[in-house]
Protein backbone atom coordinates (compact mmCIF):
# COMPACT_ATOMS: atom_id res chain seq x y z
CA MET A 1 0.02 0.01 -0.01
CA ASN A 2 1.32 3.49 -0.86
CA GLU A 3 1.71 6.42 1.52
CA ILE A 4 -1.62 7.97 0.50
CA PHE A 5 -3.69 4.80 1.21
CA LYS A 6 -2.04 3.82 4.48
CA PRO A 7 -4.31 2.78 7.38
CA GLY A 8 -5.72 5.76 9.25
CA ALA A 9 -5.30 8.16 6.32
CA GLY A 10 -8.08 10.41 5.13
CA VAL A 11 -8.93 10.78 1.42
CA LEU A 12 -11.62 12.55 -0.43
CA PHE A 13 -12.67 10.41 -3.44
CA MET A 14 -14.15 12.06 -6.52
CA LYS A 15 -15.02 10.99 -10.06
CA VAL A 16 -13.86 13.60 -12.57
CA GLY A 17 -14.19 14.28 -16.29
CA THR A 18 -15.51 16.92 -18.65
CA HIS A 19 -16.92 19.75 -16.55
CA ALA A 20 -18.67 22.91 -17.75
CA ASN A 21 -17.76 22.12 -21.37
CA GLU A 22 -14.05 21.79 -20.54
CA GLU A 23 -12.16 18.53 -21.15
CA LEU A 24 -10.32 17.00 -18.22
CA ASP A 25 -6.88 17.45 -19.84
CA ASP A 26 -7.59 21.18 -20.21
CA ILE A 27 -8.75 21.42 -16.62
CA ILE A 28 -5.56 19.69 -15.39
CA ALA A 29 -3.40 22.09 -17.40
CA ARG A 30 -5.32 25.10 -16.10
CA LYS A 31 -5.19 23.93 -12.48
CA THR A 32 -1.47 23.19 -12.73
CA LYS A 33 -0.89 26.73 -14.07
CA GLU A 34 -3.02 28.21 -11.27
CA ILE A 35 -0.97 26.37 -8.63
CA ASP A 36 2.25 27.62 -10.26
CA GLU A 37 0.99 31.22 -10.34
CA ALA A 38 -1.13 31.54 -7.17
CA GLY A 39 0.33 28.74 -4.96
CA TYR A 40 -3.02 26.93 -4.94
CA ALA A 41 -6.08 26.18 -7.04
CA MET A 42 -9.75 25.58 -6.45
CA TRP A 43 -11.22 22.34 -7.85
CA GLY A 44 -14.91 23.05 -8.49
CA TYR A 45 -17.74 20.57 -7.82
CA GLY A 46 -21.39 20.28 -6.90
CA GLY A 47 -23.80 18.02 -5.00
CA ASN A 48 -24.23 17.60 -1.27
CA THR A 49 -22.35 14.34 -0.51
CA CYS A 50 -19.23 16.46 0.20
CA HIS A 51 -20.84 19.67 1.46
CA PRO A 52 -18.11 22.17 2.48
CA SER A 53 -19.15 23.05 6.04
CA SER A 54 -20.97 19.91 7.16
CA MET A 55 -18.74 17.26 5.57
CA VAL A 56 -15.37 18.27 4.13
CA GLN A 57 -14.23 20.88 6.66
CA PRO A 58 -14.97 18.72 9.77
CA PHE A 59 -13.46 15.71 8.03
CA ALA A 60 -10.26 17.49 6.99
CA GLY A 61 -10.04 19.38 10.26
CA SER A 62 -10.05 16.16 12.28
CA PHE A 63 -7.06 14.88 10.32
CA ALA A 64 -5.28 18.22 10.45
CA THR A 65 -5.39 18.15 14.27
CA LYS A 66 -3.37 14.92 14.03
CA GLY A 67 -0.92 16.53 11.59
CA ALA A 68 -2.16 14.30 8.76
CA PRO A 69 -2.80 15.53 5.21
CA ILE A 70 -6.01 14.98 3.29
CA HIS A 71 -5.61 13.87 -0.27
CA LEU A 72 -8.15 14.38 -3.03
CA VAL A 73 -8.01 11.18 -5.12
CA MET A 74 -9.72 11.31 -8.46
CA GLU A 75 -10.97 8.65 -10.82
CA GLN A 76 -11.34 9.70 -14.45
CA MET A 77 -14.74 8.97 -15.97
CA THR A 78 -16.76 9.75 -19.07
CA SER A 79 -18.74 12.83 -18.13
CA ASN A 80 -21.59 14.67 -19.79
CA HIS A 81 -21.34 17.84 -17.71
CA PHE A 82 -22.03 20.44 -20.35
CA ALA A 83 -23.46 23.17 -18.15
CA GLU A 84 -22.72 26.77 -18.92
CA PRO A 85 -19.13 27.56 -17.86
CA LEU A 86 -20.07 30.45 -15.54
CA GLU A 87 -16.98 31.60 -13.65
CA ALA A 88 -17.33 32.16 -9.89
CA ALA A 89 -16.23 35.55 -8.57
CA GLU A 90 -16.18 34.98 -4.82
CA TYR A 91 -15.58 32.23 -2.28
CA SER A 92 -16.34 31.68 1.40
CA PRO A 93 -15.42 28.96 3.85
CA ASP A 94 -18.58 29.62 5.96
CA ASN A 95 -21.13 30.95 3.41
CA LYS A 96 -21.14 34.26 5.36
CA ASN A 97 -17.79 36.07 4.86
CA TRP A 98 -16.92 36.41 1.17
CA THR A 99 -13.59 37.10 -0.57
CA ASN A 100 -12.83 37.72 -4.24
CA ILE A 101 -11.24 34.78 -6.03
CA PRO A 102 -7.71 35.76 -7.09
CA PRO A 103 -7.57 36.63 -10.82
CA GLU A 104 -5.10 33.74 -11.46
CA ILE A 105 -7.74 31.22 -10.34
CA ARG A 106 -10.81 30.25 -12.37
CA VAL A 107 -13.66 28.05 -11.07
CA LEU A 108 -16.26 27.19 -13.70
CA GLY A 109 -19.78 25.81 -13.45
CA SER A 110 -19.63 24.92 -9.72
CA ARG A 111 -21.37 25.62 -6.40
CA PHE A 112 -18.43 24.56 -4.25
CA ALA A 113 -14.64 24.09 -4.61
CA LEU A 114 -11.89 22.12 -2.93
CA VAL A 115 -8.73 24.09 -2.16
CA ILE A 116 -5.65 22.22 -3.43
CA GLU A 117 -1.97 22.98 -3.19
CA ASP A 118 -0.65 20.46 -5.72
CA LEU A 119 -1.85 18.19 -8.49
CA GLN A 120 -0.22 15.13 -9.99
CA GLN A 121 -1.19 12.45 -12.46
CA VAL A 122 -0.81 8.91 -11.04
CA ASP A 123 -1.69 5.29 -11.65
CA MET A 124 -2.89 3.64 -8.46
CA SER A 125 -5.89 1.78 -7.08
CA LEU A 126 -8.07 2.75 -4.13
CA PRO A 127 -9.35 -0.37 -2.24
CA LEU A 128 -12.91 0.71 -1.47
CA ASP A 129 -13.46 -2.32 0.75
CA GLN A 130 -10.69 -0.98 2.98
CA THR A 131 -12.41 2.39 3.55
CA ARG A 132 -15.27 3.74 5.60
CA VAL A 133 -17.21 7.01 5.74
CA PRO A 134 -16.06 8.80 8.97
CA VAL A 135 -18.41 11.85 8.91
CA GLY A 136 -22.02 12.71 8.23
CA PRO A 137 -25.22 10.69 8.11
CA SER A 138 -23.46 7.65 6.53
CA THR A 139 -20.76 7.41 9.20
CA GLY A 140 -19.42 3.86 9.45
CA ARG A 141 -20.61 2.79 6.00
CA ILE A 142 -18.00 0.83 3.99
CA GLY A 143 -16.71 2.78 1.00
CA SER A 144 -17.62 0.06 -1.49
CA LYS A 145 -21.21 0.22 -0.29
CA TYR A 146 -21.33 4.04 -0.29
CA ILE A 147 -19.72 4.73 -3.67
CA ALA A 148 -22.49 3.30 -5.81
CA GLY A 149 -25.12 4.52 -8.24
CA LYS A 150 -25.04 8.31 -8.57
CA VAL A 151 -22.71 8.85 -5.57
CA ASP A 152 -19.56 10.15 -7.20
CA LYS A 153 -17.64 11.60 -4.27
CA ALA A 154 -16.99 10.77 -0.64
CA CYS A 155 -14.93 11.56 2.46
CA LEU A 156 -13.23 8.28 3.37
CA GLU A 157 -10.86 6.89 6.02
CA ILE A 158 -8.47 4.06 5.14
CA LEU A 159 -8.95 1.02 7.37
CA ASP A 160 -6.29 -1.45 8.67
CA ALA A 161 -7.68 -4.27 6.52
CA PRO A 162 -10.38 -4.81 3.92
CA VAL A 163 -13.88 -5.54 5.24
CA LEU A 164 -14.94 -8.92 3.90
CA LEU A 165 -18.39 -8.74 2.34
CA ASN A 166 -20.40 -11.78 1.42
CA ASP A 167 -22.51 -10.06 -1.20
CA GLN A 168 -19.87 -8.63 -3.46
CA GLU A 169 -16.37 -9.03 -4.85
CA PRO A 170 -13.63 -6.63 -3.63
CA LYS A 171 -13.93 -3.22 -5.30
CA PHE A 172 -11.00 -1.10 -6.43
CA ARG A 173 -11.17 2.31 -8.10
CA LYS A 174 -8.46 3.39 -10.54
CA ILE A 175 -7.02 6.70 -9.35
CA ASN A 176 -5.63 8.96 -12.07
CA LEU A 177 -5.11 12.26 -10.21
CA VAL A 178 -4.04 13.18 -6.67
CA ALA A 179 -4.03 16.54 -4.97
CA THR A 180 -3.36 17.66 -1.38
CA LEU A 181 -6.04 19.77 0.25
CA ARG A 182 -5.13 22.87 2.17
CA THR A 183 -7.05 25.01 4.60
CA PRO A 184 -9.92 25.92 4.43
CA TYR A 185 -10.26 22.64 2.47
CA ALA A 186 -13.64 23.37 0.84
CA VAL A 187 -15.45 26.62 0.06
CA PHE A 188 -18.77 27.95 -1.18
CA LEU A 189 -18.86 29.91 -4.44
CA ARG A 190 -21.08 32.75 -5.66
CA ASN A 191 -21.57 35.44 -8.27
CA PHE A 192 -19.95 35.40 -11.65
CA ARG A 193 -17.09 37.24 -13.28
CA GLY A 194 -18.10 39.27 -16.29
């Protein structure tokens, strides 16, 4: 097992692909440039399974108190996200106090964003049977049971050993991209740049 998927580690799993009419390769190039220019980037997303203040921030904060990083691990998928590429103008960690997004950073077609400090292409497998949801209403649920159907992202903790399940074969997810989250970990987005 690699350093990212060691027992006790926290990862945020997300399926990624075309988003707001932008191909994944173009998003990767843009985010890499943003990190080079601004020192960080914001990876936009939507949905409530990884809500910024009720899921991601408490999850990441619990690992930060132990001095442990949180990695965003991404599985490439075929995506049909062709929403209008509206560019967010402001961000907030608490949905109350708002700050302008730096001009070097662009977040398109998203309600929320993860704050990342690096981004690398990788070739590794995430053993979903060796993970569990550590926060929110699905706390304790095994990752392979949680990541199913339309669920495309999750806060997960790596367990010491795989949980043996009688009703399914072991599940692995191919991870193509990895990023390290940085404080405030996840933010709300609003307004649009002209």
